[in-house]
Amino acid sequence: MNDKKLETLLEQVHAELQKVGKVDGDNLKLLQELQQDVQGLIDKAEVETPPVLARMQKAVERFEMDHPALTALISEVSTVLSNAGI
């Protein structure tokens, strides 16, 4: 896995997450968890991969209409992580 590419993608996801406006309670919780996951991956902290990938998939499904740039980045990060066997 190209660590630099993943790091760049994670930084882009982090920036896009900061741009998301108001969302309802469930979506806010999902975004907060995703934000923590991304920050953990950036910091190279221990993260539980199956829940991270599941949250990324859920975020793609929920936000693809309203936040296409965010969902495209999340999808790409998920693919990179999956391809790396994470």
PDB file of N, CA and C in Angstrom:
ATOM      1  N   MET A   1       0.843  -1.173   0.000  1.00  0.00           N
ATOM      2  CA  MET A   1       0.000   0.000   0.000  1.00  0.00           C
ATOM      3  C   MET A   1       0.885   1.231   0.000  1.00  0.00           C
ATOM      4  N   ASN A   2       0.519   2.207  -0.759  1.00  0.00           N
ATOM      5  CA  ASN A   2       1.234   3.463  -0.803  1.00  0.00           C
ATOM      6  C   ASN A   2       0.759   4.328   0.364  1.00  0.00           C
ATOM      7  N   ASP A   3       1.578   4.387   1.426  1.00  0.00           N
ATOM      8  CA  ASP A   3       1.191   5.121   2.627  1.00  0.00           C
ATOM      9  C   ASP A   3       0.961   6.602   2.348  1.00  0.00           C
ATOM     10  N   LYS A   4       1.763   7.166   1.480  1.00  0.00           N
ATOM     11  CA  LYS A   4       1.621   8.590   1.172  1.00  0.00           C
ATOM     12  C   LYS A   4       0.282   8.871   0.492  1.00  0.00           C
ATOM     13  N   LYS A   5      -0.117   7.995  -0.439  1.00  0.00           N
ATOM     14  CA  LYS A   5      -1.403   8.167  -1.116  1.00  0.00           C
ATOM     15  C   LYS A   5      -2.541   8.062  -0.119  1.00  0.00           C
ATOM     16  N   LEU A   6      -2.480   7.063   0.757  1.00  0.00           N
ATOM     17  CA  LEU A   6      -3.524   6.895   1.756  1.00  0.00           C
ATOM     18  C   LEU A   6      -3.573   8.104   2.675  1.00  0.00           C
ATOM     19  N   GLU A   7      -2.430   8.568   3.116  1.00  0.00           N
ATOM     20  CA  GLU A   7      -2.386   9.732   4.002  1.00  0.00           C
ATOM     21  C   GLU A   7      -2.999  10.957   3.317  1.00  0.00           C
ATOM     22  N   THR A   8      -2.674  11.153   2.053  1.00  0.00           N
ATOM     23  CA  THR A   8      -3.228  12.274   1.298  1.00  0.00           C
ATOM     24  C   THR A   8      -4.744  12.154   1.193  1.00  0.00           C
ATOM     25  N   LEU A   9      -5.228  10.954   0.885  1.00  0.00           N
ATOM     26  CA  LEU A   9      -6.673  10.729   0.800  1.00  0.00           C
ATOM     27  C   LEU A   9      -7.352  10.982   2.144  1.00  0.00           C
ATOM     28  N   LEU A  10      -6.745  10.511   3.213  1.00  0.00           N
ATOM     29  CA  LEU A  10      -7.327  10.709   4.534  1.00  0.00           C
ATOM     30  C   LEU A  10      -7.392  12.186   4.896  1.00  0.00           C
ATOM     31  N   GLU A  11      -6.363  12.932   4.546  1.00  0.00           N
ATOM     32  CA  GLU A  11      -6.363  14.375   4.794  1.00  0.00           C
ATOM     33  C   GLU A  11      -7.485  15.045   3.999  1.00  0.00           C
ATOM     34  N   GLN A  12      -7.716  14.578   2.772  1.00  0.00           N
ATOM     35  CA  GLN A  12      -8.787  15.136   1.950  1.00  0.00           C
ATOM     36  C   GLN A  12     -10.158  14.804   2.543  1.00  0.00           C
ATOM     37  N   VAL A  13     -10.318  13.576   3.026  1.00  0.00           N
ATOM     38  CA  VAL A  13     -11.573  13.192   3.684  1.00  0.00           C
ATOM     39  C   VAL A  13     -11.785  14.064   4.915  1.00  0.00           C
ATOM     40  N   HIS A  14     -10.739  14.245   5.691  1.00  0.00           N
ATOM     41  CA  HIS A  14     -10.809  15.072   6.896  1.00  0.00           C
ATOM     42  C   HIS A  14     -11.284  16.480   6.539  1.00  0.00           C
ATOM     43  N   ALA A  15     -10.720  17.057   5.488  1.00  0.00           N
ATOM     44  CA  ALA A  15     -11.107  18.404   5.052  1.00  0.00           C
ATOM     45  C   ALA A  15     -12.566  18.437   4.594  1.00  0.00           C
ATOM     46  N   GLU A  16     -13.000  17.434   3.854  1.00  0.00           N
ATOM     47  CA  GLU A  16     -14.386  17.382   3.389  1.00  0.00           C
ATOM     48  C   GLU A  16     -15.358  17.206   4.551  1.00  0.00           C
ATOM     49  N   LEU A  17     -14.965  16.422   5.553  1.00  0.00           N
ATOM     50  CA  LEU A  17     -15.825  16.242   6.721  1.00  0.00           C
ATOM     51  C   LEU A  17     -16.054  17.568   7.434  1.00  0.00           C
ATOM     52  N   GLN A  18     -15.047  18.433   7.429  1.00  0.00           N
ATOM     53  CA  GLN A  18     -15.163  19.731   8.068  1.00  0.00           C
ATOM     54  C   GLN A  18     -16.161  20.633   7.341  1.00  0.00           C
ATOM     55  N   LYS A  19     -16.402  20.366   6.063  1.00  0.00           N
ATOM     56  CA  LYS A  19     -17.293  21.195   5.252  1.00  0.00           C
ATOM     57  C   LYS A  19     -18.767  20.797   5.371  1.00  0.00           C
ATOM     58  N   VAL A  20     -19.027  19.615   5.933  1.00  0.00           N
ATOM     59  CA  VAL A  20     -20.406  19.139   6.022  1.00  0.00           C
ATOM     60  C   VAL A  20     -21.174  20.038   6.981  1.00  0.00           C
ATOM     61  N   GLY A  21     -22.305  20.519   6.525  1.00  0.00           N
ATOM     62  CA  GLY A  21     -23.137  21.406   7.337  1.00  0.00           C
ATOM     63  C   GLY A  21     -23.971  20.628   8.333  1.00  0.00           C
ATOM     64  N   LYS A  22     -25.134  21.160   8.635  1.00  0.00           N
ATOM     65  CA  LYS A  22     -26.020  20.515   9.598  1.00  0.00           C
ATOM     66  C   LYS A  22     -26.576  19.206   9.049  1.00  0.00           C
ATOM     67  N   VAL A  23     -26.606  18.217   9.911  1.00  0.00           N
ATOM     68  CA  VAL A  23     -27.195  16.927   9.590  1.00  0.00           C
ATOM     69  C   VAL A  23     -28.009  16.469  10.789  1.00  0.00           C
ATOM     70  N   ASP A  24     -28.899  15.505  10.573  1.00  0.00           N
ATOM     71  CA  ASP A  24     -29.725  15.023  11.673  1.00  0.00           C
ATOM     72  C   ASP A  24     -28.915  14.170  12.643  1.00  0.00           C
ATOM     73  N   GLY A  25     -29.543  13.750  13.718  1.00  0.00           N
ATOM     74  CA  GLY A  25     -28.861  13.049  14.802  1.00  0.00           C
ATOM     75  C   GLY A  25     -28.085  11.816  14.409  1.00  0.00           C
ATOM     76  N   ASP A  26     -28.720  10.898  13.657  1.00  0.00           N
ATOM     77  CA  ASP A  26     -28.043   9.666  13.262  1.00  0.00           C
ATOM     78  C   ASP A  26     -26.874   9.948  12.326  1.00  0.00           C
ATOM     79  N   ASN A  27     -27.100  10.847  11.388  1.00  0.00           N
ATOM     80  CA  ASN A  27     -26.029  11.180  10.447  1.00  0.00           C
ATOM     81  C   ASN A  27     -24.900  11.942  11.130  1.00  0.00           C
ATOM     82  N   LEU A  28     -25.249  12.770  12.114  1.00  0.00           N
ATOM     83  CA  LEU A  28     -24.221  13.477  12.874  1.00  0.00           C
ATOM     84  C   LEU A  28     -23.343  12.488  13.627  1.00  0.00           C
ATOM     85  N   LYS A  29     -23.975  11.495  14.245  1.00  0.00           N
ATOM     86  CA  LYS A  29     -23.209  10.468  14.973  1.00  0.00           C
ATOM     87  C   LYS A  29     -22.287   9.717  14.014  1.00  0.00           C
ATOM     88  N   LEU A  30     -22.811   9.362  12.843  1.00  0.00           N
ATOM     89  CA  LEU A  30     -21.998   8.665  11.844  1.00  0.00           C
ATOM     90  C   LEU A  30     -20.811   9.530  11.416  1.00  0.00           C
ATOM     91  N   LEU A  31     -21.059  10.805  11.159  1.00  0.00           N
ATOM     92  CA  LEU A  31     -19.968  11.703  10.762  1.00  0.00           C
ATOM     93  C   LEU A  31     -18.920  11.855  11.863  1.00  0.00           C
ATOM     94  N   GLN A  32     -19.372  11.942  13.109  1.00  0.00           N
ATOM     95  CA  GLN A  32     -18.425  12.058  14.222  1.00  0.00           C
ATOM     96  C   GLN A  32     -17.571  10.800  14.350  1.00  0.00           C
ATOM     97  N   GLU A  33     -18.191   9.635  14.215  1.00  0.00           N
ATOM     98  CA  GLU A  33     -17.445   8.375  14.279  1.00  0.00           C
ATOM     99  C   GLU A  33     -16.470   8.268  13.115  1.00  0.00           C
ATOM    100  N   LEU A  34     -16.922   8.671  11.934  1.00  0.00           N
ATOM    101  CA  LEU A  34     -16.066   8.636  10.760  1.00  0.00           C
ATOM    102  C   LEU A  34     -14.894   9.591  10.932  1.00  0.00           C
ATOM    103  N   GLN A  35     -15.159  10.760  11.490  1.00  0.00           N
ATOM    104  CA  GLN A  35     -14.095  11.728  11.761  1.00  0.00           C
ATOM    105  C   GLN A  35     -13.038  11.121  12.687  1.00  0.00           C
ATOM    106  N   GLN A  36     -13.484  10.421  13.727  1.00  0.00           N
ATOM    107  CA  GLN A  36     -12.558   9.766  14.654  1.00  0.00           C
ATOM    108  C   GLN A  36     -11.777   8.666  13.956  1.00  0.00           C
ATOM    109  N   ASP A  37     -12.458   7.894  13.117  1.00  0.00           N
ATOM    110  CA  ASP A  37     -11.791   6.831  12.366  1.00  0.00           C
ATOM    111  C   ASP A  37     -10.697   7.398  11.473  1.00  0.00           C
ATOM    112  N   VAL A  38     -11.049   8.436  10.733  1.00  0.00           N
ATOM    113  CA  VAL A  38     -10.084   9.049   9.814  1.00  0.00           C
ATOM    114  C   VAL A  38      -8.908   9.617  10.595  1.00  0.00           C
ATOM    115  N   GLN A  39      -9.190  10.293  11.697  1.00  0.00           N
ATOM    116  CA  GLN A  39      -8.095  10.856  12.493  1.00  0.00           C
ATOM    117  C   GLN A  39      -7.215   9.737  13.040  1.00  0.00           C
ATOM    118  N   GLY A  40      -7.816   8.638  13.462  1.00  0.00           N
ATOM    119  CA  GLY A  40      -7.040   7.499  13.940  1.00  0.00           C
ATOM    120  C   GLY A  40      -6.160   6.912  12.853  1.00  0.00           C
ATOM    121  N   LEU A  41      -6.698   6.829  11.637  1.00  0.00           N
ATOM    122  CA  LEU A  41      -5.899   6.315  10.523  1.00  0.00           C
ATOM    123  C   LEU A  41      -4.770   7.280  10.174  1.00  0.00           C
ATOM    124  N   ILE A  42      -5.047   8.581  10.215  1.00  0.00           N
ATOM    125  CA  ILE A  42      -4.009   9.582   9.950  1.00  0.00           C
ATOM    126  C   ILE A  42      -2.900   9.458  10.990  1.00  0.00           C
ATOM    127  N   ASP A  43      -3.302   9.304  12.243  1.00  0.00           N
ATOM    128  CA  ASP A  43      -2.337   9.207  13.351  1.00  0.00           C
ATOM    129  C   ASP A  43      -1.696   7.834  13.454  1.00  0.00           C
ATOM    130  N   LYS A  44      -2.131   6.921  12.573  1.00  0.00           N
ATOM    131  CA  LYS A  44      -1.648   5.541  12.570  1.00  0.00           C
ATOM    132  C   LYS A  44      -1.916   4.847  13.907  1.00  0.00           C
ATOM    133  N   ALA A  45      -3.050   5.206  14.508  1.00  0.00           N
ATOM    134  CA  ALA A  45      -3.473   4.583  15.763  1.00  0.00           C
ATOM    135  C   ALA A  45      -4.128   3.246  15.442  1.00  0.00           C
ATOM    136  N   GLU A  46      -4.298   2.451  16.448  1.00  0.00           N
ATOM    137  CA  GLU A  46      -4.985   1.182  16.270  1.00  0.00           C
ATOM    138  C   GLU A  46      -6.469   1.466  16.055  1.00  0.00           C
ATOM    139  N   VAL A  47      -6.993   1.006  14.954  1.00  0.00           N
ATOM    140  CA  VAL A  47      -8.426   1.131  14.681  1.00  0.00           C
ATOM    141  C   VAL A  47      -8.952  -0.245  14.306  1.00  0.00           C
ATOM    142  N   GLU A  48     -10.204  -0.468  14.627  1.00  0.00           N
ATOM    143  CA  GLU A  48     -10.826  -1.745  14.287  1.00  0.00           C
ATOM    144  C   GLU A  48     -11.333  -1.649  12.853  1.00  0.00           C
ATOM    145  N   THR A  49     -10.659  -2.337  11.953  1.00  0.00           N
ATOM    146  CA  THR A  49     -10.912  -2.182  10.527  1.00  0.00           C
ATOM    147  C   THR A  49     -12.327  -2.533  10.097  1.00  0.00           C
ATOM    148  N   PRO A  50     -12.896  -3.674  10.478  1.00  0.00           N
ATOM    149  CA  PRO A  50     -14.253  -3.950   9.984  1.00  0.00           C
ATOM    150  C   PRO A  50     -15.253  -2.837  10.317  1.00  0.00           C
ATOM    151  N   PRO A  51     -15.271  -2.316  11.560  1.00  0.00           N
ATOM    152  CA  PRO A  51     -16.213  -1.217  11.829  1.00  0.00           C
ATOM    153  C   PRO A  51     -15.903   0.046  11.008  1.00  0.00           C
ATOM    154  N   VAL A  52     -14.638   0.330  10.793  1.00  0.00           N
ATOM    155  CA  VAL A  52     -14.268   1.508  10.000  1.00  0.00           C
ATOM    156  C   VAL A  52     -14.793   1.357   8.581  1.00  0.00           C
ATOM    157  N   LEU A  53     -14.536   0.227   7.970  1.00  0.00           N
ATOM    158  CA  LEU A  53     -15.002   0.001   6.597  1.00  0.00           C
ATOM    159  C   LEU A  53     -16.531   0.005   6.517  1.00  0.00           C
ATOM    160  N   ALA A  54     -17.182  -0.543   7.524  1.00  0.00           N
ATOM    161  CA  ALA A  54     -18.651  -0.548   7.550  1.00  0.00           C
ATOM    162  C   ALA A  54     -19.190   0.875   7.656  1.00  0.00           C
ATOM    163  N   ARG A  55     -18.570   1.697   8.508  1.00  0.00           N
ATOM    164  CA  ARG A  55     -19.010   3.089   8.631  1.00  0.00           C
ATOM    165  C   ARG A  55     -18.759   3.856   7.338  1.00  0.00           C
ATOM    166  N   MET A  56     -17.642   3.579   6.690  1.00  0.00           N
ATOM    167  CA  MET A  56     -17.361   4.251   5.427  1.00  0.00           C
ATOM    168  C   MET A  56     -18.419   3.897   4.392  1.00  0.00           C
ATOM    169  N   GLN A  57     -18.801   2.622   4.328  1.00  0.00           N
ATOM    170  CA  GLN A  57     -19.829   2.198   3.379  1.00  0.00           C
ATOM    171  C   GLN A  57     -21.165   2.862   3.699  1.00  0.00           C
ATOM    172  N   LYS A  58     -21.507   2.910   4.981  1.00  0.00           N
ATOM    173  CA  LYS A  58     -22.753   3.543   5.387  1.00  0.00           C
ATOM    174  C   LYS A  58     -22.739   5.028   5.029  1.00  0.00           C
ATOM    175  N   ALA A  59     -21.615   5.688   5.226  1.00  0.00           N
ATOM    176  CA  ALA A  59     -21.500   7.110   4.891  1.00  0.00           C
ATOM    177  C   ALA A  59     -21.669   7.330   3.392  1.00  0.00           C
ATOM    178  N   VAL A  60     -21.079   6.460   2.592  1.00  0.00           N
ATOM    179  CA  VAL A  60     -21.225   6.574   1.138  1.00  0.00           C
ATOM    180  C   VAL A  60     -22.700   6.472   0.764  1.00  0.00           C
ATOM    181  N   GLU A  61     -23.396   5.519   1.348  1.00  0.00           N
ATOM    182  CA  GLU A  61     -24.815   5.329   1.039  1.00  0.00           C
ATOM    183  C   GLU A  61     -25.662   6.521   1.477  1.00  0.00           C
ATOM    184  N   ARG A  62     -25.389   7.067   2.645  1.00  0.00           N
ATOM    185  CA  ARG A  62     -26.203   8.146   3.187  1.00  0.00           C
ATOM    186  C   ARG A  62     -25.913   9.507   2.557  1.00  0.00           C
ATOM    187  N   PHE A  63     -24.671   9.751   2.168  1.00  0.00           N
ATOM    188  CA  PHE A  63     -24.287  11.098   1.772  1.00  0.00           C
ATOM    189  C   PHE A  63     -23.974  11.270   0.293  1.00  0.00           C
ATOM    190  N   GLU A  64     -24.142  10.217  -0.502  1.00  0.00           N
ATOM    191  CA  GLU A  64     -23.715  10.337  -1.892  1.00  0.00           C
ATOM    192  C   GLU A  64     -24.489  11.386  -2.676  1.00  0.00           C
ATOM    193  N   MET A  65     -25.726  11.643  -2.339  1.00  0.00           N
ATOM    194  CA  MET A  65     -26.501  12.651  -3.066  1.00  0.00           C
ATOM    195  C   MET A  65     -26.123  14.075  -2.636  1.00  0.00           C
ATOM    196  N   ASP A  66     -25.957  14.282  -1.333  1.00  0.00           N
ATOM    197  CA  ASP A  66     -25.715  15.632  -0.816  1.00  0.00           C
ATOM    198  C   ASP A  66     -24.242  16.015  -0.746  1.00  0.00           C
ATOM    199  N   HIS A  67     -23.366  15.035  -0.679  1.00  0.00           N
ATOM    200  CA  HIS A  67     -21.931  15.308  -0.521  1.00  0.00           C
ATOM    201  C   HIS A  67     -21.119  14.392  -1.438  1.00  0.00           C
ATOM    202  N   PRO A  68     -21.225  14.600  -2.747  1.00  0.00           N
ATOM    203  CA  PRO A  68     -20.559  13.690  -3.688  1.00  0.00           C
ATOM    204  C   PRO A  68     -19.031  13.679  -3.576  1.00  0.00           C
ATOM    205  N   ALA A  69     -18.422  14.811  -3.279  1.00  0.00           N
ATOM    206  CA  ALA A  69     -16.956  14.833  -3.146  1.00  0.00           C
ATOM    207  C   ALA A  69     -16.521  14.001  -1.945  1.00  0.00           C
ATOM    208  N   LEU A  70     -17.234  14.136  -0.846  1.00  0.00           N
ATOM    209  CA  LEU A  70     -16.919  13.370   0.359  1.00  0.00           C
ATOM    210  C   LEU A  70     -17.092  11.879   0.104  1.00  0.00           C
ATOM    211  N   THR A  71     -18.185  11.497  -0.514  1.00  0.00           N
ATOM    212  CA  THR A  71     -18.425  10.072  -0.738  1.00  0.00           C
ATOM    213  C   THR A  71     -17.429   9.470  -1.722  1.00  0.00           C
ATOM    214  N   ALA A  72     -17.009  10.234  -2.701  1.00  0.00           N
ATOM    215  CA  ALA A  72     -16.002   9.728  -3.642  1.00  0.00           C
ATOM    216  C   ALA A  72     -14.685   9.466  -2.910  1.00  0.00           C
ATOM    217  N   LEU A  73     -14.297  10.381  -2.038  1.00  0.00           N
ATOM    218  CA  LEU A  73     -13.053  10.203  -1.282  1.00  0.00           C
ATOM    219  C   LEU A  73     -13.160   9.029  -0.316  1.00  0.00           C
ATOM    220  N   ILE A  74     -14.279   8.930   0.380  1.00  0.00           N
ATOM    221  CA  ILE A  74     -14.471   7.826   1.322  1.00  0.00           C
ATOM    222  C   ILE A  74     -14.426   6.491   0.585  1.00  0.00           C
ATOM    223  N   SER A  75     -15.058   6.439  -0.550  1.00  0.00           N
ATOM    224  CA  SER A  75     -15.056   5.223  -1.354  1.00  0.00           C
ATOM    225  C   SER A  75     -13.639   4.847  -1.775  1.00  0.00           C
ATOM    226  N   GLU A  76     -12.864   5.842  -2.176  1.00  0.00           N
ATOM    227  CA  GLU A  76     -11.481   5.579  -2.586  1.00  0.00           C
ATOM    228  C   GLU A  76     -10.634   5.093  -1.418  1.00  0.00           C
ATOM    229  N   VAL A  77     -10.795   5.724  -0.243  1.00  0.00           N
ATOM    230  CA  VAL A  77     -10.052   5.283   0.944  1.00  0.00           C
ATOM    231  C   VAL A  77     -10.436   3.857   1.296  1.00  0.00           C
ATOM    232  N   SER A  78     -11.715   3.560   1.251  1.00  0.00           N
ATOM    233  CA  SER A  78     -12.188   2.212   1.556  1.00  0.00           C
ATOM    234  C   SER A  78     -11.576   1.191   0.616  1.00  0.00           C
ATOM    235  N   THR A  79     -11.502   1.519  -0.659  1.00  0.00           N
ATOM    236  CA  THR A  79     -10.892   0.629  -1.659  1.00  0.00           C
ATOM    237  C   THR A  79      -9.419   0.418  -1.369  1.00  0.00           C
ATOM    238  N   VAL A  80      -8.713   1.501  -1.068  1.00  0.00           N
ATOM    239  CA  VAL A  80      -7.276   1.391  -0.769  1.00  0.00           C
ATOM    240  C   VAL A  80      -7.048   0.499   0.452  1.00  0.00           C
ATOM    241  N   LEU A  81      -7.850   0.715   1.493  1.00  0.00           N
ATOM    242  CA  LEU A  81      -7.712  -0.098   2.706  1.00  0.00           C
ATOM    243  C   LEU A  81      -8.036  -1.573   2.424  1.00  0.00           C
ATOM    244  N   SER A  82      -9.088  -1.803   1.674  1.00  0.00           N
ATOM    245  CA  SER A  82      -9.460  -3.181   1.332  1.00  0.00           C
ATOM    246  C   SER A  82      -8.390  -3.869   0.491  1.00  0.00           C
ATOM    247  N   ASN A  83      -7.874  -3.156  -0.476  1.00  0.00           N
ATOM    248  CA  ASN A  83      -6.830  -3.714  -1.344  1.00  0.00           C
ATOM    249  C   ASN A  83      -5.546  -4.014  -0.567  1.00  0.00           C
ATOM    250  N   ALA A  84      -5.333  -3.268   0.511  1.00  0.00           N
ATOM    251  CA  ALA A  84      -4.139  -3.470   1.332  1.00  0.00           C
ATOM    252  C   ALA A  84      -4.352  -4.591   2.348  1.00  0.00           C
ATOM    253  N   GLY A  85      -5.574  -5.121   2.382  1.00  0.00           N
ATOM    254  CA  GLY A  85      -5.842  -6.211   3.305  1.00  0.00           C
ATOM    255  C   GLY A  85      -6.114  -5.731   4.724  1.00  0.00           C
ATOM    256  N   ILE A  86      -6.463  -4.494   4.824  1.00  0.00           N
ATOM    257  CA  ILE A  86      -6.733  -3.918   6.155  1.00  0.00           C
ATOM    258  C   ILE A  86      -8.204  -4.062   6.467  1.00  0.00           C
TER     259      ILE A  86
END
